[in-house]
Structures are given as structure tokens and as C-alpha cells.
Amino acid sequence: MAAPPATSSAAANSSCARLPSAPLRRAPAAVSFPARSRPAGLAAHAGPSRRLDVSAAAASGHQKLMGSLTSNEGLRFGVVVARFNEVVTNLLLQGALETFERYSVKAENITVVSVPGSFEVPITAQKLGKSGKFDAILCIGAVIRGDTTHYDAVANSAASGVLNAGLSAGTPCIFGVLTCEDMDQALNRAGGKAGNKGAEAALTAIEMASLFRHHLG
């Protein structure tokens, strides 16, 4: 059987030479833009430095106004307490009065006003606030959910009412009304394992009264 004719290397080279060569792509030239300097104000607030701590604020001349729990000489407080769910509100009142005593608020500077229920608390707080006789009003009540929607109406009215009382009177009105699902929750927050919310509200009243008397008055 005859072998196929050998292809000379010259012929192979000549056929390769006939192939068109692909044009080479040139890499795009790098374009540079002139760097812009950031405005000093933006640079100062960039990144983590945007958050200024208290010491930095003081060093830069900013004032920090804050009420005190010890500068309470002569501060006067009104306490509006609802009688409804009295087993709870009495404990809240007790916690508040003990806290006032612990922080050296004199008994003669505390006026306690009793009202039928939490719904009546805001209007009474507003009246006391507008009298000009008190530095802060502490509002105490307990609203516990029942089988009807009465709970929602009273709880919402008490919360918004106390807020509006403070805004209209220009006197801090502190919300110390419990809104709980059941009696166990309420008792736990009236001296039980969750603390006493009446005592906590009294602390807030002292601080806010001090802030308004010494800094915002």
C-alpha cells in the first residue's frame, strides 16, 4: 500500500503564512481625574467621628442640660392617682412616695389628688400643671384588659391625655399608668419581680422638675 505523499515543511510554512493575522487590541489608556478636596465640614462629620461623646461636646463648647436627682430643694410635686384597681394603684403610690422621701423631697411639697379612674387623670393633671404651683405632675393609674374593648379606649385616652396635659400646661406630666393584660402583670409592676413603676415614675418626675426649674425655667 503506497504511503501518502509527504508534505514538505516549506509548503506547510507557506500555507501558514497565508493566514491573515488578527489585529492586536491596544489597551485603553488610563484616564486620571484630579482629586477634589472634601469640604472641611463634610470631612469633620465623616465616618465614626460623626458621633460626638459628651466630653468632646463639652470640650468644643456645647452645653449639656440635664436634670438632677439631688438638686431638688424646693421642688413641688403633684400626684394624681386613680382609685380604680386600687390594690395596684396604692402600691404604685407607695413606691412613688418612698422614692420622693429617699431623694429628700419634703412631704409638704407633695400634693396627692385622688380621682375615680385613669380616664380622669389627664384633665386633673392639666389643671394642676396650669396652676403654677407644681414643678412636675406624676400620673398614676392601672388599666387592665377585660373582655371588651373598654381597655383600649381607656389606655389610649390616658396615654394621649397625659401627654397633652403636659404640652398644654407647660409642666412635665409623667406617665405612670400601667396598661397590663391581667392582674398578675400589674402586681408584678407594682412592687413585684418587675419592680415598682410608681417609684420609677417618681425618679423621672424629680429629674424633669429639676431640668425645668434650673435650666429651662
N, C-alpha and C. Protein backbone atom coordinates (compact mmCIF):
# COMPACT_ATOMS: atom_id res chain seq x y z
N MET A 1 0.85 -1.20 0.00
CA MET A 1 0.00 0.00 0.00
C MET A 1 0.88 1.23 0.00
N ALA A 2 0.65 2.15 -0.92
CA ALA A 2 1.53 3.31 -1.07
C ALA A 2 1.26 4.31 0.03
N ALA A 3 2.35 4.84 0.59
CA ALA A 3 2.23 5.85 1.65
C ALA A 3 1.81 7.17 1.06
N PRO A 4 1.04 7.98 1.77
CA PRO A 4 0.61 9.28 1.27
C PRO A 4 1.79 10.18 1.09
N PRO A 5 1.72 11.04 0.09
CA PRO A 5 2.86 11.91 -0.15
C PRO A 5 3.13 12.83 1.01
N ALA A 6 4.39 12.92 1.33
CA ALA A 6 4.76 13.76 2.48
C ALA A 6 4.65 15.22 2.12
N THR A 7 4.21 16.01 3.05
CA THR A 7 4.09 17.45 2.84
C THR A 7 5.35 18.11 3.35
N SER A 8 5.91 18.85 2.50
CA SER A 8 7.17 19.49 2.88
C SER A 8 6.93 20.57 3.91
N SER A 9 7.90 20.81 4.74
CA SER A 9 7.77 21.86 5.77
C SER A 9 7.64 23.22 5.14
N ALA A 10 8.25 23.37 3.95
CA ALA A 10 8.15 24.68 3.29
C ALA A 10 6.73 24.98 2.87
N ALA A 11 6.05 23.89 2.35
CA ALA A 11 4.64 24.11 1.95
C ALA A 11 3.78 24.45 3.14
N ALA A 12 4.07 23.73 4.24
CA ALA A 12 3.29 24.00 5.45
C ALA A 12 3.50 25.42 5.92
N ASN A 13 4.75 25.84 5.87
CA ASN A 13 5.04 27.21 6.32
C ASN A 13 4.38 28.25 5.42
N SER A 14 4.35 27.87 4.08
CA SER A 14 3.74 28.84 3.18
C SER A 14 2.24 28.96 3.38
N SER A 15 1.60 27.80 3.72
CA SER A 15 0.14 27.87 3.97
C SER A 15 -0.15 28.62 5.23
N CYS A 16 0.76 28.43 6.21
CA CYS A 16 0.55 29.20 7.45
C CYS A 16 0.74 30.68 7.21
N ALA A 17 1.62 30.97 6.31
CA ALA A 17 1.89 32.39 6.06
C ALA A 17 0.72 33.07 5.41
N ARG A 18 -0.16 32.29 4.74
CA ARG A 18 -1.29 32.90 4.07
C ARG A 18 -2.44 33.27 5.01
N LEU A 19 -2.40 32.74 6.27
CA LEU A 19 -3.48 33.06 7.22
C LEU A 19 -3.39 34.52 7.63
N PRO A 20 -4.52 35.23 7.59
CA PRO A 20 -4.46 36.65 7.99
C PRO A 20 -4.22 36.78 9.48
N SER A 21 -3.40 37.65 9.84
CA SER A 21 -3.11 37.84 11.28
C SER A 21 -4.15 38.81 11.87
N ALA A 22 -4.66 38.42 13.07
CA ALA A 22 -5.68 39.26 13.73
C ALA A 22 -5.03 40.51 14.28
N PRO A 23 -5.69 41.62 14.10
CA PRO A 23 -5.11 42.87 14.63
C PRO A 23 -5.05 42.84 16.15
N LEU A 24 -4.00 43.32 16.72
CA LEU A 24 -3.84 43.36 18.17
C LEU A 24 -4.59 44.54 18.76
N ARG A 25 -5.30 44.26 19.85
CA ARG A 25 -6.04 45.34 20.53
C ARG A 25 -5.12 46.09 21.48
N ARG A 26 -5.21 47.34 21.42
CA ARG A 26 -4.40 48.14 22.32
C ARG A 26 -5.18 48.42 23.60
N ALA A 27 -4.50 48.30 24.70
CA ALA A 27 -5.16 48.55 25.99
C ALA A 27 -5.55 50.01 26.08
N PRO A 28 -6.77 50.27 26.58
CA PRO A 28 -7.20 51.67 26.69
C PRO A 28 -6.29 52.45 27.61
N ALA A 29 -6.09 53.64 27.25
CA ALA A 29 -5.22 54.48 28.07
C ALA A 29 -5.94 54.84 29.37
N ALA A 30 -5.20 54.83 30.46
CA ALA A 30 -5.78 55.16 31.76
C ALA A 30 -6.08 56.64 31.82
N VAL A 31 -7.26 56.95 32.34
CA VAL A 31 -7.67 58.35 32.46
C VAL A 31 -7.67 58.71 33.93
N SER A 32 -7.03 59.74 34.27
CA SER A 32 -6.98 60.16 35.67
C SER A 32 -7.72 61.48 35.82
N PHE A 33 -8.36 61.61 36.96
CA PHE A 33 -9.10 62.83 37.27
C PHE A 33 -8.43 63.52 38.44
N PRO A 34 -8.43 64.80 38.44
CA PRO A 34 -7.81 65.50 39.58
C PRO A 34 -8.59 65.27 40.86
N ALA A 35 -7.88 65.01 41.94
CA ALA A 35 -8.53 64.74 43.23
C ALA A 35 -9.12 66.03 43.77
N ARG A 36 -10.36 65.90 44.28
CA ARG A 36 -11.03 67.06 44.87
C ARG A 36 -10.94 67.00 46.38
N SER A 37 -10.60 68.06 46.97
CA SER A 37 -10.55 68.09 48.43
C SER A 37 -11.96 68.22 48.97
N ARG A 38 -12.27 67.46 50.03
CA ARG A 38 -13.62 67.50 50.63
C ARG A 38 -13.76 68.75 51.47
N PRO A 39 -14.94 69.34 51.46
CA PRO A 39 -15.16 70.49 52.34
C PRO A 39 -14.86 70.14 53.78
N ALA A 40 -14.36 71.10 54.51
CA ALA A 40 -13.96 70.84 55.89
C ALA A 40 -15.11 70.34 56.73
N GLY A 41 -16.32 70.89 56.47
CA GLY A 41 -17.47 70.46 57.26
C GLY A 41 -17.81 69.01 57.05
N LEU A 42 -17.73 68.55 55.76
CA LEU A 42 -18.03 67.15 55.48
C LEU A 42 -16.96 66.25 56.03
N ALA A 43 -15.72 66.66 55.91
CA ALA A 43 -14.63 65.82 56.41
C ALA A 43 -14.72 65.65 57.91
N ALA A 44 -15.18 66.70 58.60
CA ALA A 44 -15.27 66.62 60.05
C ALA A 44 -16.34 65.67 60.50
N HIS A 45 -17.39 65.47 59.66
CA HIS A 45 -18.51 64.61 60.06
C HIS A 45 -18.45 63.24 59.41
N ALA A 46 -17.38 62.91 58.72
CA ALA A 46 -17.31 61.63 58.02
C ALA A 46 -16.98 60.52 58.98
N GLY A 47 -17.53 59.35 58.71
CA GLY A 47 -17.14 58.14 59.42
C GLY A 47 -17.51 58.17 60.88
N PRO A 48 -16.76 57.42 61.71
CA PRO A 48 -17.08 57.30 63.13
C PRO A 48 -17.04 58.61 63.88
N SER A 49 -16.28 59.59 63.37
CA SER A 49 -16.17 60.85 64.09
C SER A 49 -17.47 61.63 64.10
N ARG A 50 -18.50 61.15 63.36
CA ARG A 50 -19.78 61.85 63.35
C ARG A 50 -20.43 61.81 64.72
N ARG A 51 -20.16 60.78 65.50
CA ARG A 51 -20.74 60.65 66.82
C ARG A 51 -19.82 61.32 67.84
N LEU A 52 -20.30 62.38 68.44
CA LEU A 52 -19.51 63.06 69.44
C LEU A 52 -19.95 62.61 70.82
N ASP A 53 -18.99 62.24 71.66
CA ASP A 53 -19.36 61.88 73.01
C ASP A 53 -19.53 63.14 73.84
N VAL A 54 -19.94 62.95 75.09
CA VAL A 54 -20.27 64.10 75.93
C VAL A 54 -19.03 64.94 76.19
N SER A 55 -17.88 64.29 76.45
CA SER A 55 -16.68 65.03 76.76
C SER A 55 -16.22 65.86 75.57
N ALA A 56 -16.35 65.29 74.35
CA ALA A 56 -15.97 66.03 73.16
C ALA A 56 -16.88 67.23 72.96
N ALA A 57 -18.17 67.05 73.22
CA ALA A 57 -19.11 68.16 73.08
C ALA A 57 -18.78 69.27 74.06
N ALA A 58 -18.45 68.88 75.29
CA ALA A 58 -18.12 69.88 76.30
C ALA A 58 -16.83 70.60 75.94
N ALA A 59 -15.86 69.84 75.40
CA ALA A 59 -14.59 70.45 75.03
C ALA A 59 -14.75 71.44 73.90
N SER A 60 -15.73 71.21 73.03
CA SER A 60 -15.93 72.10 71.90
C SER A 60 -16.89 73.24 72.22
N GLY A 61 -17.28 73.36 73.47
CA GLY A 61 -18.09 74.50 73.89
C GLY A 61 -19.58 74.26 73.92
N HIS A 62 -20.07 73.05 73.62
CA HIS A 62 -21.51 72.80 73.66
C HIS A 62 -21.97 72.67 75.10
N GLN A 63 -23.20 73.08 75.33
CA GLN A 63 -23.80 72.94 76.66
C GLN A 63 -24.60 71.65 76.72
N LYS A 64 -24.55 70.99 77.86
CA LYS A 64 -25.38 69.82 78.09
C LYS A 64 -26.29 70.12 79.28
N LEU A 65 -27.58 70.16 79.03
CA LEU A 65 -28.55 70.44 80.07
C LEU A 65 -29.20 69.15 80.52
N MET A 66 -29.22 68.94 81.81
CA MET A 66 -29.75 67.69 82.35
C MET A 66 -30.26 67.92 83.75
N GLY A 67 -31.40 67.32 84.05
CA GLY A 67 -31.94 67.42 85.39
C GLY A 67 -31.14 66.61 86.39
N SER A 68 -31.29 66.95 87.66
CA SER A 68 -30.54 66.28 88.72
C SER A 68 -31.50 65.62 89.70
N LEU A 69 -31.05 64.51 90.26
CA LEU A 69 -31.86 63.83 91.28
C LEU A 69 -31.52 64.33 92.69
N THR A 70 -30.50 65.16 92.79
CA THR A 70 -30.08 65.66 94.10
C THR A 70 -30.36 67.15 94.28
N SER A 71 -30.41 67.90 93.19
CA SER A 71 -30.71 69.34 93.30
C SER A 71 -32.21 69.54 93.27
N ASN A 72 -32.88 69.12 94.33
CA ASN A 72 -34.34 69.17 94.34
C ASN A 72 -34.90 70.01 95.49
N GLU A 73 -34.08 70.89 96.01
CA GLU A 73 -34.52 71.74 97.10
C GLU A 73 -35.66 72.65 96.62
N GLY A 74 -36.78 72.59 97.30
CA GLY A 74 -37.90 73.46 96.99
C GLY A 74 -38.78 72.99 95.85
N LEU A 75 -38.46 71.87 95.22
CA LEU A 75 -39.29 71.38 94.13
C LEU A 75 -40.62 70.88 94.68
N ARG A 76 -41.69 71.16 93.94
CA ARG A 76 -43.04 70.78 94.39
C ARG A 76 -43.68 69.85 93.36
N PHE A 77 -44.35 68.84 93.87
CA PHE A 77 -44.89 67.80 93.01
C PHE A 77 -46.38 67.58 93.30
N GLY A 78 -47.11 67.41 92.21
CA GLY A 78 -48.49 66.96 92.31
C GLY A 78 -48.57 65.51 91.88
N VAL A 79 -49.33 64.71 92.60
CA VAL A 79 -49.51 63.29 92.27
C VAL A 79 -50.99 63.03 92.07
N VAL A 80 -51.37 62.64 90.87
CA VAL A 80 -52.76 62.29 90.58
C VAL A 80 -52.84 60.78 90.52
N VAL A 81 -53.66 60.19 91.39
CA VAL A 81 -53.74 58.73 91.48
C VAL A 81 -55.19 58.28 91.28
N ALA A 82 -55.38 57.29 90.42
CA ALA A 82 -56.72 56.74 90.15
C ALA A 82 -57.06 55.69 91.20
N ARG A 83 -58.32 55.69 91.65
CA ARG A 83 -58.75 54.70 92.63
C ARG A 83 -59.14 53.38 91.99
N PHE A 84 -59.49 53.38 90.72
CA PHE A 84 -59.88 52.13 90.06
C PHE A 84 -58.66 51.20 90.04
N ASN A 85 -58.89 49.91 90.34
CA ASN A 85 -57.81 48.94 90.55
C ASN A 85 -56.90 49.42 91.69
N GLU A 86 -57.55 49.78 92.78
CA GLU A 86 -56.87 50.40 93.92
C GLU A 86 -55.80 49.52 94.53
N VAL A 87 -55.97 48.21 94.45
CA VAL A 87 -54.97 47.32 95.02
C VAL A 87 -53.62 47.51 94.31
N VAL A 88 -53.67 47.92 93.06
CA VAL A 88 -52.45 48.17 92.30
C VAL A 88 -51.99 49.62 92.47
N THR A 89 -52.91 50.56 92.33
CA THR A 89 -52.50 51.98 92.36
C THR A 89 -51.99 52.40 93.74
N ASN A 90 -52.49 51.78 94.80
CA ASN A 90 -51.97 52.08 96.14
C ASN A 90 -50.50 51.69 96.26
N LEU A 91 -50.15 50.56 95.66
CA LEU A 91 -48.75 50.12 95.68
C LEU A 91 -47.87 51.04 94.83
N LEU A 92 -48.39 51.49 93.71
CA LEU A 92 -47.64 52.43 92.87
C LEU A 92 -47.43 53.76 93.61
N LEU A 93 -48.48 54.23 94.28
CA LEU A 93 -48.38 55.47 95.04
C LEU A 93 -47.37 55.32 96.17
N GLN A 94 -47.41 54.19 96.85
CA GLN A 94 -46.47 53.94 97.93
C GLN A 94 -45.03 53.98 97.42
N GLY A 95 -44.79 53.34 96.29
CA GLY A 95 -43.45 53.35 95.71
C GLY A 95 -43.00 54.76 95.34
N ALA A 96 -43.92 55.56 94.81
CA ALA A 96 -43.58 56.93 94.44
C ALA A 96 -43.25 57.78 95.66
N LEU A 97 -44.07 57.69 96.71
CA LEU A 97 -43.85 58.49 97.90
C LEU A 97 -42.55 58.09 98.60
N GLU A 98 -42.25 56.79 98.63
CA GLU A 98 -41.00 56.34 99.23
C GLU A 98 -39.79 56.87 98.44
N THR A 99 -39.93 56.93 97.15
CA THR A 99 -38.84 57.46 96.33
C THR A 99 -38.65 58.94 96.56
N PHE A 100 -39.73 59.70 96.63
CA PHE A 100 -39.63 61.13 96.94
C PHE A 100 -38.91 61.34 98.28
N GLU A 101 -39.28 60.53 99.27
CA GLU A 101 -38.65 60.66 100.59
C GLU A 101 -37.17 60.30 100.52
N ARG A 102 -36.84 59.26 99.77
CA ARG A 102 -35.45 58.81 99.65
C ARG A 102 -34.58 59.88 99.02
N TYR A 103 -35.16 60.68 98.13
CA TYR A 103 -34.40 61.73 97.46
C TYR A 103 -34.66 63.11 98.07
N SER A 104 -35.06 63.10 99.33
CA SER A 104 -35.14 64.31 100.16
C SER A 104 -36.16 65.32 99.69
N VAL A 105 -37.21 64.85 99.04
CA VAL A 105 -38.33 65.74 98.73
C VAL A 105 -39.22 65.80 99.97
N LYS A 106 -39.47 66.99 100.46
CA LYS A 106 -40.22 67.13 101.70
C LYS A 106 -41.70 66.80 101.47
N ALA A 107 -42.31 66.23 102.49
CA ALA A 107 -43.70 65.81 102.39
C ALA A 107 -44.63 66.99 102.12
N GLU A 108 -44.28 68.17 102.68
CA GLU A 108 -45.14 69.33 102.47
C GLU A 108 -45.07 69.86 101.04
N ASN A 109 -44.12 69.37 100.26
CA ASN A 109 -44.02 69.77 98.85
C ASN A 109 -44.66 68.77 97.90
N ILE A 110 -45.44 67.84 98.48
CA ILE A 110 -46.12 66.82 97.67
C ILE A 110 -47.62 66.92 97.93
N THR A 111 -48.39 67.04 96.87
CA THR A 111 -49.85 67.07 96.98
C THR A 111 -50.41 65.89 96.20
N VAL A 112 -51.17 65.03 96.89
CA VAL A 112 -51.77 63.85 96.27
C VAL A 112 -53.25 64.12 96.02
N VAL A 113 -53.66 63.92 94.78
CA VAL A 113 -55.06 64.13 94.39
C VAL A 113 -55.62 62.80 93.92
N SER A 114 -56.72 62.37 94.51
CA SER A 114 -57.35 61.09 94.15
C SER A 114 -58.51 61.33 93.18
N VAL A 115 -58.56 60.52 92.11
CA VAL A 115 -59.63 60.62 91.12
C VAL A 115 -60.23 59.23 90.91
N PRO A 116 -61.45 59.15 90.34
CA PRO A 116 -62.10 57.84 90.22
C PRO A 116 -61.32 56.81 89.41
N GLY A 117 -60.81 57.21 88.23
CA GLY A 117 -60.14 56.22 87.38
C GLY A 117 -59.09 56.87 86.50
N SER A 118 -58.44 56.06 85.68
CA SER A 118 -57.35 56.56 84.82
C SER A 118 -57.86 57.55 83.77
N PHE A 119 -59.12 57.43 83.39
CA PHE A 119 -59.67 58.34 82.39
C PHE A 119 -59.72 59.77 82.92
N GLU A 120 -59.85 59.91 84.23
CA GLU A 120 -59.94 61.23 84.85
C GLU A 120 -58.58 61.82 85.22
N VAL A 121 -57.54 61.05 85.05
CA VAL A 121 -56.20 61.51 85.44
C VAL A 121 -55.72 62.69 84.59
N PRO A 122 -55.80 62.63 83.25
CA PRO A 122 -55.21 63.71 82.45
C PRO A 122 -55.79 65.10 82.71
N ILE A 123 -57.10 65.22 82.79
CA ILE A 123 -57.69 66.55 82.98
C ILE A 123 -57.29 67.12 84.34
N THR A 124 -57.14 66.25 85.33
CA THR A 124 -56.72 66.71 86.66
C THR A 124 -55.26 67.14 86.63
N ALA A 125 -54.44 66.37 85.91
CA ALA A 125 -53.02 66.73 85.78
C ALA A 125 -52.87 68.07 85.07
N GLN A 126 -53.68 68.29 84.05
CA GLN A 126 -53.62 69.55 83.32
C GLN A 126 -53.97 70.73 84.23
N LYS A 127 -55.00 70.54 85.04
CA LYS A 127 -55.43 71.61 85.95
C LYS A 127 -54.32 71.93 86.95
N LEU A 128 -53.71 70.91 87.50
CA LEU A 128 -52.62 71.13 88.45
C LEU A 128 -51.43 71.81 87.77
N GLY A 129 -51.11 71.34 86.56
CA GLY A 129 -49.98 71.92 85.85
C GLY A 129 -50.17 73.39 85.54
N LYS A 130 -51.38 73.77 85.17
CA LYS A 130 -51.65 75.17 84.82
C LYS A 130 -51.76 76.07 86.05
N SER A 131 -51.87 75.48 87.23
CA SER A 131 -51.99 76.29 88.44
C SER A 131 -50.70 77.03 88.77
N GLY A 132 -49.58 76.54 88.26
CA GLY A 132 -48.29 77.16 88.54
C GLY A 132 -47.73 76.83 89.91
N LYS A 133 -48.38 75.92 90.62
CA LYS A 133 -47.94 75.57 91.97
C LYS A 133 -46.97 74.40 92.00
N PHE A 134 -46.80 73.72 90.87
CA PHE A 134 -46.03 72.48 90.88
C PHE A 134 -44.96 72.49 89.78
N ASP A 135 -43.85 71.81 90.08
CA ASP A 135 -42.76 71.68 89.10
C ASP A 135 -42.93 70.46 88.21
N ALA A 136 -43.69 69.49 88.67
CA ALA A 136 -43.98 68.30 87.86
C ALA A 136 -45.21 67.61 88.43
N ILE A 137 -45.92 66.92 87.56
CA ILE A 137 -47.12 66.18 87.95
C ILE A 137 -46.89 64.71 87.64
N LEU A 138 -47.10 63.87 88.63
CA LEU A 138 -46.96 62.42 88.46
C LEU A 138 -48.35 61.80 88.34
N CYS A 139 -48.58 61.08 87.26
CA CYS A 139 -49.90 60.50 86.99
C CYS A 139 -49.85 58.99 87.20
N ILE A 140 -50.68 58.49 88.12
CA ILE A 140 -50.65 57.07 88.50
C ILE A 140 -52.02 56.45 88.25
N GLY A 141 -52.02 55.28 87.62
CA GLY A 141 -53.26 54.55 87.37
C GLY A 141 -52.92 53.13 86.94
N ALA A 142 -53.95 52.33 86.76
CA ALA A 142 -53.77 50.95 86.30
C ALA A 142 -54.97 50.56 85.45
N VAL A 143 -54.69 50.22 84.20
CA VAL A 143 -55.74 49.79 83.27
C VAL A 143 -55.43 48.33 82.92
N ILE A 144 -56.38 47.45 83.20
CA ILE A 144 -56.18 46.01 82.98
C ILE A 144 -57.19 45.51 81.96
N ARG A 145 -56.71 44.76 80.99
CA ARG A 145 -57.56 44.30 79.89
C ARG A 145 -58.68 43.40 80.40
N GLY A 146 -59.85 43.60 79.85
CA GLY A 146 -61.00 42.76 80.17
C GLY A 146 -61.53 42.07 78.92
N ASP A 147 -62.81 41.75 78.92
CA ASP A 147 -63.42 41.03 77.80
C ASP A 147 -63.92 41.95 76.69
N THR A 148 -63.89 43.25 76.92
CA THR A 148 -64.40 44.19 75.92
C THR A 148 -63.27 45.13 75.46
N THR A 149 -63.62 46.02 74.55
CA THR A 149 -62.64 46.98 74.04
C THR A 149 -62.51 48.21 74.94
N HIS A 150 -63.17 48.19 76.09
CA HIS A 150 -63.08 49.32 77.01
C HIS A 150 -61.63 49.59 77.39
N TYR A 151 -60.84 48.54 77.53
CA TYR A 151 -59.42 48.66 77.89
C TYR A 151 -58.70 49.56 76.90
N ASP A 152 -58.88 49.29 75.60
CA ASP A 152 -58.17 50.06 74.58
C ASP A 152 -58.54 51.53 74.62
N ALA A 153 -59.81 51.81 74.82
CA ALA A 153 -60.26 53.20 74.85
C ALA A 153 -59.65 53.95 76.03
N VAL A 154 -59.67 53.31 77.21
CA VAL A 154 -59.15 53.99 78.39
C VAL A 154 -57.63 54.11 78.34
N ALA A 155 -56.94 53.05 77.92
CA ALA A 155 -55.48 53.07 77.86
C ALA A 155 -54.98 54.14 76.88
N ASN A 156 -55.58 54.19 75.70
CA ASN A 156 -55.17 55.18 74.71
C ASN A 156 -55.49 56.60 75.16
N SER A 157 -56.65 56.76 75.76
CA SER A 157 -57.04 58.09 76.22
C SER A 157 -56.15 58.57 77.35
N ALA A 158 -55.78 57.67 78.24
CA ALA A 158 -54.91 58.04 79.35
C ALA A 158 -53.54 58.45 78.84
N ALA A 159 -52.98 57.68 77.92
CA ALA A 159 -51.63 57.97 77.41
C ALA A 159 -51.60 59.31 76.66
N SER A 160 -52.52 59.48 75.70
CA SER A 160 -52.53 60.72 74.93
C SER A 160 -52.96 61.89 75.80
N GLY A 161 -53.83 61.63 76.77
CA GLY A 161 -54.30 62.71 77.64
C GLY A 161 -53.21 63.26 78.53
N VAL A 162 -52.38 62.39 79.10
CA VAL A 162 -51.28 62.85 79.95
C VAL A 162 -50.27 63.63 79.12
N LEU A 163 -49.99 63.15 77.91
CA LEU A 163 -49.09 63.88 77.02
C LEU A 163 -49.61 65.27 76.72
N ASN A 164 -50.88 65.36 76.33
CA ASN A 164 -51.47 66.66 76.00
C ASN A 164 -51.56 67.57 77.22
N ALA A 165 -51.75 66.97 78.40
CA ALA A 165 -51.80 67.79 79.61
C ALA A 165 -50.48 68.49 79.84
N GLY A 166 -49.38 67.77 79.66
CA GLY A 166 -48.07 68.38 79.83
C GLY A 166 -47.79 69.45 78.79
N LEU A 167 -48.18 69.16 77.54
CA LEU A 167 -47.93 70.13 76.47
C LEU A 167 -48.72 71.41 76.67
N SER A 168 -49.96 71.28 77.08
CA SER A 168 -50.80 72.48 77.23
C SER A 168 -50.46 73.26 78.49
N ALA A 169 -50.04 72.55 79.54
CA ALA A 169 -49.75 73.23 80.80
C ALA A 169 -48.32 73.77 80.83
N GLY A 170 -47.44 73.19 80.01
CA GLY A 170 -46.04 73.60 80.07
C GLY A 170 -45.32 73.07 81.28
N THR A 171 -45.90 72.07 81.91
CA THR A 171 -45.34 71.44 83.11
C THR A 171 -45.15 69.96 82.82
N PRO A 172 -44.02 69.37 83.21
CA PRO A 172 -43.84 67.94 82.97
C PRO A 172 -44.93 67.11 83.64
N CYS A 173 -45.63 66.32 82.84
CA CYS A 173 -46.63 65.38 83.36
C CYS A 173 -46.12 63.97 83.07
N ILE A 174 -45.81 63.24 84.09
CA ILE A 174 -45.13 61.96 83.97
C ILE A 174 -46.15 60.84 83.93
N PHE A 175 -46.02 59.98 82.93
CA PHE A 175 -46.97 58.89 82.72
C PHE A 175 -46.59 57.69 83.59
N GLY A 176 -47.40 57.45 84.62
CA GLY A 176 -47.19 56.31 85.49
C GLY A 176 -48.41 55.41 85.54
N VAL A 177 -49.09 55.31 84.42
CA VAL A 177 -50.31 54.49 84.32
C VAL A 177 -49.93 53.13 83.73
N LEU A 178 -50.18 52.07 84.48
CA LEU A 178 -49.91 50.73 83.97
C LEU A 178 -51.00 50.32 82.99
N THR A 179 -50.60 49.69 81.91
CA THR A 179 -51.56 49.10 80.95
C THR A 179 -51.16 47.63 80.79
N CYS A 180 -51.90 46.75 81.44
CA CYS A 180 -51.49 45.35 81.56
C CYS A 180 -52.58 44.41 81.04
N GLU A 181 -52.13 43.21 80.71
CA GLU A 181 -53.05 42.18 80.21
C GLU A 181 -53.87 41.55 81.32
N ASP A 182 -53.31 41.45 82.52
CA ASP A 182 -54.03 40.81 83.62
C ASP A 182 -53.51 41.37 84.95
N MET A 183 -54.14 40.94 86.03
CA MET A 183 -53.79 41.44 87.35
C MET A 183 -52.39 41.02 87.76
N ASP A 184 -51.97 39.83 87.38
CA ASP A 184 -50.61 39.37 87.73
C ASP A 184 -49.55 40.29 87.14
N GLN A 185 -49.72 40.67 85.88
CA GLN A 185 -48.77 41.61 85.26
C GLN A 185 -48.73 42.92 86.03
N ALA A 186 -49.90 43.42 86.41
CA ALA A 186 -49.97 44.69 87.12
C ALA A 186 -49.26 44.62 88.47
N LEU A 187 -49.52 43.56 89.22
CA LEU A 187 -48.90 43.43 90.54
C LEU A 187 -47.39 43.25 90.43
N ASN A 188 -46.95 42.56 89.39
CA ASN A 188 -45.50 42.39 89.19
C ASN A 188 -44.82 43.73 88.93
N ARG A 189 -45.57 44.69 88.41
CA ARG A 189 -45.01 46.02 88.12
C ARG A 189 -45.34 47.04 89.19
N ALA A 190 -45.94 46.58 90.26
CA ALA A 190 -46.29 47.47 91.37
C ALA A 190 -45.60 47.00 92.64
N GLY A 191 -44.33 46.64 92.50
CA GLY A 191 -43.56 46.19 93.64
C GLY A 191 -43.17 44.73 93.58
N GLY A 192 -43.58 44.02 92.51
CA GLY A 192 -43.24 42.62 92.36
C GLY A 192 -41.89 42.44 91.67
N LYS A 193 -41.76 41.32 90.96
CA LYS A 193 -40.46 40.99 90.37
C LYS A 193 -40.04 41.94 89.24
N ALA A 194 -40.96 42.70 88.71
CA ALA A 194 -40.62 43.67 87.65
C ALA A 194 -40.38 45.07 88.21
N GLY A 195 -40.28 45.18 89.52
CA GLY A 195 -40.03 46.48 90.13
C GLY A 195 -41.32 47.25 90.40
N ASN A 196 -41.15 48.50 90.76
CA ASN A 196 -42.30 49.36 91.04
C ASN A 196 -42.27 50.54 90.08
N LYS A 197 -43.21 50.56 89.16
CA LYS A 197 -43.25 51.61 88.15
C LYS A 197 -43.62 52.96 88.74
N GLY A 198 -44.26 52.96 89.89
CA GLY A 198 -44.53 54.22 90.56
C GLY A 198 -43.25 54.87 91.04
N ALA A 199 -42.34 54.05 91.57
CA ALA A 199 -41.04 54.57 92.01
C ALA A 199 -40.24 55.08 90.81
N GLU A 200 -40.27 54.35 89.70
CA GLU A 200 -39.55 54.78 88.51
C GLU A 200 -40.11 56.10 87.98
N ALA A 201 -41.42 56.24 87.99
CA ALA A 201 -42.03 57.48 87.51
C ALA A 201 -41.68 58.65 88.42
N ALA A 202 -41.54 58.39 89.72
CA ALA A 202 -41.16 59.45 90.65
C ALA A 202 -39.74 59.95 90.35
N LEU A 203 -38.84 59.05 90.02
CA LEU A 203 -37.48 59.45 89.64
C LEU A 203 -37.51 60.34 88.40
N THR A 204 -38.33 59.96 87.43
CA THR A 204 -38.46 60.77 86.22
C THR A 204 -39.03 62.15 86.56
N ALA A 205 -39.99 62.20 87.47
CA ALA A 205 -40.59 63.48 87.86
C ALA A 205 -39.55 64.38 88.51
N ILE A 206 -38.71 63.82 89.37
CA ILE A 206 -37.68 64.64 90.04
C ILE A 206 -36.71 65.20 89.01
N GLU A 207 -36.25 64.36 88.10
CA GLU A 207 -35.27 64.81 87.11
C GLU A 207 -35.86 65.88 86.18
N MET A 208 -37.08 65.67 85.73
CA MET A 208 -37.71 66.65 84.83
C MET A 208 -38.02 67.96 85.56
N ALA A 209 -38.44 67.86 86.80
CA ALA A 209 -38.70 69.09 87.57
C ALA A 209 -37.42 69.88 87.75
N SER A 210 -36.33 69.18 88.04
CA SER A 210 -35.04 69.84 88.20
C SER A 210 -34.59 70.48 86.88
N LEU A 211 -34.78 69.78 85.78
CA LEU A 211 -34.39 70.31 84.48
C LEU A 211 -35.14 71.59 84.16
N PHE A 212 -36.45 71.59 84.38
CA PHE A 212 -37.25 72.77 84.06
C PHE A 212 -36.95 73.92 85.03
N ARG A 213 -36.76 73.60 86.31
CA ARG A 213 -36.53 74.66 87.28
C ARG A 213 -35.17 75.33 87.10
N HIS A 214 -34.13 74.53 86.90
CA HIS A 214 -32.77 75.05 86.90
C HIS A 214 -32.22 75.41 85.52
N HIS A 215 -32.82 74.86 84.45
CA HIS A 215 -32.26 75.09 83.14
C HIS A 215 -33.23 75.65 82.11
N LEU A 216 -34.49 75.28 82.23
CA LEU A 216 -35.45 75.66 81.18
C LEU A 216 -36.52 76.63 81.68
N GLY A 217 -36.40 77.02 82.94
CA GLY A 217 -37.42 77.89 83.52
C GLY A 217 -37.32 79.33 83.02
